[in-house]
Amino acid sequence: MNTPPAPKHQHDADAGPALAEPRWPALVALAALTGIFSALPDNMMPGPRWVLLGVVLALITPSMIALRLGHSRINELLGYAVSGVVTLAMILSLTLLIRNLPGKSEAPEQLLRSAAVLWICNVLVFALWYWRLDGGGPHQRDQRSRHSDGAFLFPQMAEPTPTLRERNWSPHFIDYLFLAFNTSTAFSPTDTPVLSRWAKLLTMIQSLISLLIVAILVSRAIGLL
């Protein structure tokens, strides 16, 4: 007796892991973050300008080598270290900005540039964190044929009748960048609900930093009137 063909959705569910997610967008974002950060004035740099670049290169180089050699755990730990370093640098620079504000030692255009740099850094830093943490990180997401369980409910995950492409869908860095941009702009996610507690905490911190930067600009603008 002939066995009836398996339903189309069963083939999709039994499919193997999807193609590995490209890592280069995250590397480009990290390079942009490091470069933009160097545009801050000297009094807002937490140390010599070369320190952040040197530390990032010292961590990201062995991280990429580990990835190529298949040592995913080492790659993951070094990735956390890189994100931690750039996060600390951003927080220290924001602290210096707040500390220098009462003295009015900065020219208005310099303050505007510094605030813009920190706002962009805020978006990129949290995009990297969301990308590294959601669903176990990029390596764990690569092991699944579809992203169905994560800290964020992307629209593609909630389709009632998903297409074949949506059934095999998994978020890439640009999706987390879009999420981080919306969080900094609207002070909350827009089309992507936040599900897990750690993700809610991170989005709250990101929104608070963005709001703080905007409040600094507004207060300085009022002070100049």
Protein backbone atom coordinates (compact mmCIF):
# COMPACT_ATOMS: atom_id res chain seq x y z
CA MET A 1 0.00 0.00 0.00
CA ASN A 2 1.35 3.40 -0.94
CA THR A 3 2.13 5.78 1.91
CA PRO A 4 0.43 9.14 1.44
CA PRO A 5 2.82 12.08 1.11
CA ALA A 6 3.55 13.99 4.29
CA PRO A 7 1.84 17.36 4.63
CA LYS A 8 3.81 20.34 3.45
CA HIS A 9 4.12 21.78 6.96
CA GLN A 10 5.55 18.50 8.22
CA HIS A 11 8.38 18.70 5.69
CA ASP A 12 9.06 22.22 6.91
CA ALA A 13 9.07 21.13 10.55
CA ASP A 14 11.43 18.26 9.82
CA ALA A 15 13.81 20.41 7.82
CA GLY A 16 17.35 20.65 9.08
CA PRO A 17 19.05 23.76 10.37
CA ALA A 18 18.81 26.86 8.22
CA LEU A 19 21.82 28.40 6.56
CA ALA A 20 24.21 30.05 9.00
CA GLU A 21 23.37 33.65 9.72
CA PRO A 22 25.94 36.06 8.26
CA ARG A 23 28.04 37.72 10.94
CA TRP A 24 29.38 40.60 8.85
CA PRO A 25 26.47 43.02 9.60
CA ALA A 26 27.29 42.80 13.32
CA LEU A 27 30.98 43.36 12.54
CA VAL A 28 30.12 46.42 10.44
CA ALA A 29 27.96 47.77 13.30
CA LEU A 30 30.79 47.19 15.77
CA ALA A 31 33.29 48.95 13.50
CA ALA A 32 30.86 51.85 13.02
CA LEU A 33 30.30 52.03 16.78
CA THR A 34 34.04 52.20 17.46
CA GLY A 35 34.58 54.81 14.75
CA ILE A 36 31.66 57.01 15.79
CA PHE A 37 32.72 56.85 19.42
CA SER A 38 36.07 58.40 18.50
CA ALA A 39 34.22 61.54 17.36
CA LEU A 40 33.58 62.49 21.00
CA PRO A 41 35.61 65.40 22.39
CA ASP A 42 38.57 64.62 24.64
CA ASN A 43 36.75 65.56 27.85
CA MET A 44 34.14 62.84 27.20
CA MET A 45 36.52 60.04 26.36
CA PRO A 46 36.98 57.61 29.27
CA GLY A 47 40.63 57.16 28.25
CA PRO A 48 43.03 57.60 25.34
CA ARG A 49 41.29 57.35 21.95
CA TRP A 50 43.21 54.28 20.91
CA VAL A 51 42.21 52.21 23.96
CA LEU A 52 38.70 51.27 22.86
CA LEU A 53 39.81 50.40 19.33
CA GLY A 54 42.74 48.36 20.66
CA VAL A 55 40.59 46.41 23.13
CA VAL A 56 37.89 45.72 20.53
CA LEU A 57 40.47 44.47 18.02
CA ALA A 58 42.18 42.36 20.70
CA LEU A 59 38.86 40.65 21.46
CA ILE A 60 37.20 40.45 18.06
CA THR A 61 40.20 38.96 16.23
CA PRO A 62 40.41 35.74 18.30
CA SER A 63 36.60 35.67 18.35
CA MET A 64 36.44 35.44 14.56
CA ILE A 65 39.26 32.89 14.48
CA ALA A 66 37.35 30.77 17.00
CA LEU A 67 34.22 31.01 14.86
CA ARG A 68 36.08 29.83 11.75
CA LEU A 69 37.55 26.91 13.70
CA GLY A 70 34.17 25.88 15.03
CA HIS A 71 34.77 26.87 18.66
CA SER A 72 31.37 28.48 19.12
CA ARG A 73 31.55 28.75 22.91
CA ILE A 74 34.81 30.73 22.80
CA ASN A 75 33.36 32.92 20.07
CA GLU A 76 30.29 33.53 22.21
CA LEU A 77 32.24 34.45 25.36
CA LEU A 78 34.54 36.84 23.47
CA GLY A 79 31.46 38.38 21.85
CA TYR A 80 29.99 39.05 25.28
CA ALA A 81 33.29 40.64 26.32
CA VAL A 82 33.29 42.95 23.27
CA SER A 83 29.71 44.05 23.92
CA GLY A 84 30.54 44.61 27.57
CA VAL A 85 33.52 46.81 26.70
CA VAL A 86 31.61 49.08 24.31
CA THR A 87 28.69 49.28 26.74
CA LEU A 88 31.00 50.37 29.56
CA ALA A 89 32.67 52.95 27.31
CA MET A 90 29.29 54.41 26.35
CA ILE A 91 28.09 54.61 29.97
CA LEU A 92 31.33 56.29 31.10
CA SER A 93 31.11 58.86 28.30
CA LEU A 94 27.47 59.58 29.14
CA THR A 95 28.47 60.06 32.78
CA LEU A 96 31.18 62.53 31.73
CA LEU A 97 28.65 64.38 29.58
CA ILE A 98 26.28 64.75 32.54
CA ARG A 99 29.10 65.77 34.88
CA ASN A 100 30.36 68.47 32.51
CA LEU A 101 26.89 69.88 31.82
CA PRO A 102 26.58 72.27 34.83
CA GLY A 103 29.88 73.94 34.00
CA LYS A 104 28.69 74.85 30.49
CA SER A 105 32.22 74.29 29.26
CA GLU A 106 31.05 72.93 25.92
CA ALA A 107 29.97 74.97 22.96
CA PRO A 108 26.38 74.25 21.83
CA GLU A 109 27.52 72.59 18.60
CA GLN A 110 29.96 70.39 20.52
CA LEU A 111 27.21 69.33 22.92
CA LEU A 112 24.90 68.52 20.02
CA ARG A 113 27.59 66.40 18.35
CA SER A 114 28.37 64.57 21.57
CA ALA A 115 24.72 63.82 22.25
CA ALA A 116 24.19 62.60 18.68
CA VAL A 117 27.24 60.32 18.94
CA LEU A 118 26.03 58.81 22.22
CA TRP A 119 22.49 58.37 20.86
CA ILE A 120 23.77 56.43 17.85
CA CYS A 121 26.09 54.42 20.08
CA ASN A 122 23.12 53.58 22.28
CA VAL A 123 21.25 52.13 19.30
CA LEU A 124 24.21 50.07 18.10
CA VAL A 125 25.20 48.81 21.56
CA PHE A 126 21.74 47.46 22.35
CA ALA A 127 21.25 46.07 18.85
CA LEU A 128 24.40 44.01 19.47
CA TRP A 129 23.08 42.83 22.84
CA TYR A 130 19.68 41.81 21.43
CA TRP A 131 21.41 39.98 18.58
CA ARG A 132 23.79 38.16 20.93
CA LEU A 133 21.19 37.13 23.51
CA ASP A 134 17.92 36.43 21.71
CA GLY A 135 17.17 32.75 21.20
CA GLY A 136 20.53 31.72 22.66
CA GLY A 137 22.52 33.89 20.25
CA PRO A 138 23.31 33.52 16.54
CA HIS A 139 24.98 30.11 16.92
CA GLN A 140 21.94 28.58 18.64
CA ARG A 141 19.59 30.19 16.13
CA ASP A 142 21.64 28.61 13.33
CA GLN A 143 20.86 25.16 14.74
CA ARG A 144 17.11 25.60 14.25
CA SER A 145 15.19 25.60 11.00
CA ARG A 146 12.87 28.35 12.27
CA HIS A 147 12.96 30.98 15.00
CA SER A 148 9.85 30.12 17.01
CA ASP A 149 10.99 30.77 20.58
CA GLY A 150 12.79 33.95 21.55
CA ALA A 151 12.71 37.04 23.74
CA PHE A 152 10.98 39.09 21.03
CA LEU A 153 7.83 38.28 19.05
CA PHE A 154 8.72 39.40 15.54
CA PRO A 155 5.77 39.80 13.11
CA GLN A 156 6.99 36.85 11.01
CA MET A 157 6.61 34.60 14.06
CA ALA A 158 2.96 35.55 14.55
CA GLU A 159 1.65 34.97 11.02
CA PRO A 160 -1.52 32.79 11.23
CA THR A 161 -0.88 31.24 7.80
CA PRO A 162 2.85 31.71 7.15
CA THR A 163 4.34 31.19 3.73
CA LEU A 164 7.15 28.69 3.20
CA ARG A 165 9.67 31.50 3.53
CA GLU A 166 8.12 32.71 6.80
CA ARG A 167 8.02 29.18 8.21
CA ASN A 168 11.80 29.01 7.76
CA TRP A 169 12.34 32.58 8.94
CA SER A 170 14.96 33.55 11.52
CA PRO A 171 15.95 37.10 12.61
CA HIS A 172 19.23 38.60 11.45
CA PHE A 173 21.18 41.54 12.82
CA ILE A 174 19.18 44.09 10.80
CA ASP A 175 16.01 42.97 12.61
CA TYR A 176 17.62 43.68 15.99
CA LEU A 177 19.01 46.98 14.71
CA PHE A 178 15.50 47.99 13.64
CA LEU A 179 14.19 47.00 17.08
CA ALA A 180 16.92 49.00 18.85
CA PHE A 181 16.34 52.05 16.63
CA ASN A 182 12.62 52.03 17.37
CA THR A 183 13.26 51.63 21.09
CA SER A 184 15.55 54.69 21.14
CA THR A 185 13.25 56.76 18.92
CA ALA A 186 9.83 55.93 20.35
CA PHE A 187 11.14 54.90 23.81
CA SER A 188 9.45 51.53 23.27
CA PRO A 189 9.38 48.72 20.69
CA THR A 190 6.82 49.30 17.94
CA ASP A 191 5.93 46.17 15.93
CA THR A 192 7.84 43.65 18.08
CA PRO A 193 6.47 42.79 21.54
CA VAL A 194 9.04 42.01 24.24
CA LEU A 195 8.42 38.65 25.93
CA SER A 196 11.24 37.79 28.33
CA ARG A 197 12.18 39.63 31.51
CA TRP A 198 15.82 40.20 30.54
CA ALA A 199 14.71 41.75 27.24
CA LYS A 200 12.23 44.01 29.02
CA LEU A 201 15.00 45.16 31.36
CA LEU A 202 17.37 45.91 28.46
CA THR A 203 14.74 47.83 26.49
CA MET A 204 13.93 49.85 29.62
CA ILE A 205 17.61 50.73 30.08
CA GLN A 206 17.98 51.65 26.41
CA SER A 207 14.88 53.85 26.50
CA LEU A 208 16.11 55.52 29.69
CA ILE A 209 19.51 56.32 28.15
CA SER A 210 17.86 57.72 25.02
CA LEU A 211 15.46 59.81 27.10
CA LEU A 212 18.34 61.06 29.23
CA ILE A 213 20.29 62.21 26.17
CA VAL A 214 17.24 64.05 24.81
CA ALA A 215 16.60 65.62 28.22
CA ILE A 216 20.21 66.85 28.34
CA LEU A 217 19.79 68.56 24.97
CA VAL A 218 16.49 70.14 25.95
CA SER A 219 17.80 71.41 29.29
CA ARG A 220 20.86 72.92 27.64
CA ALA A 221 18.73 74.53 24.93
CA ILE A 222 16.50 76.09 27.61
CA GLY A 223 19.59 77.29 29.47
CA LEU A 224 20.81 79.10 26.35
CA LEU A 225 17.53 81.01 25.90
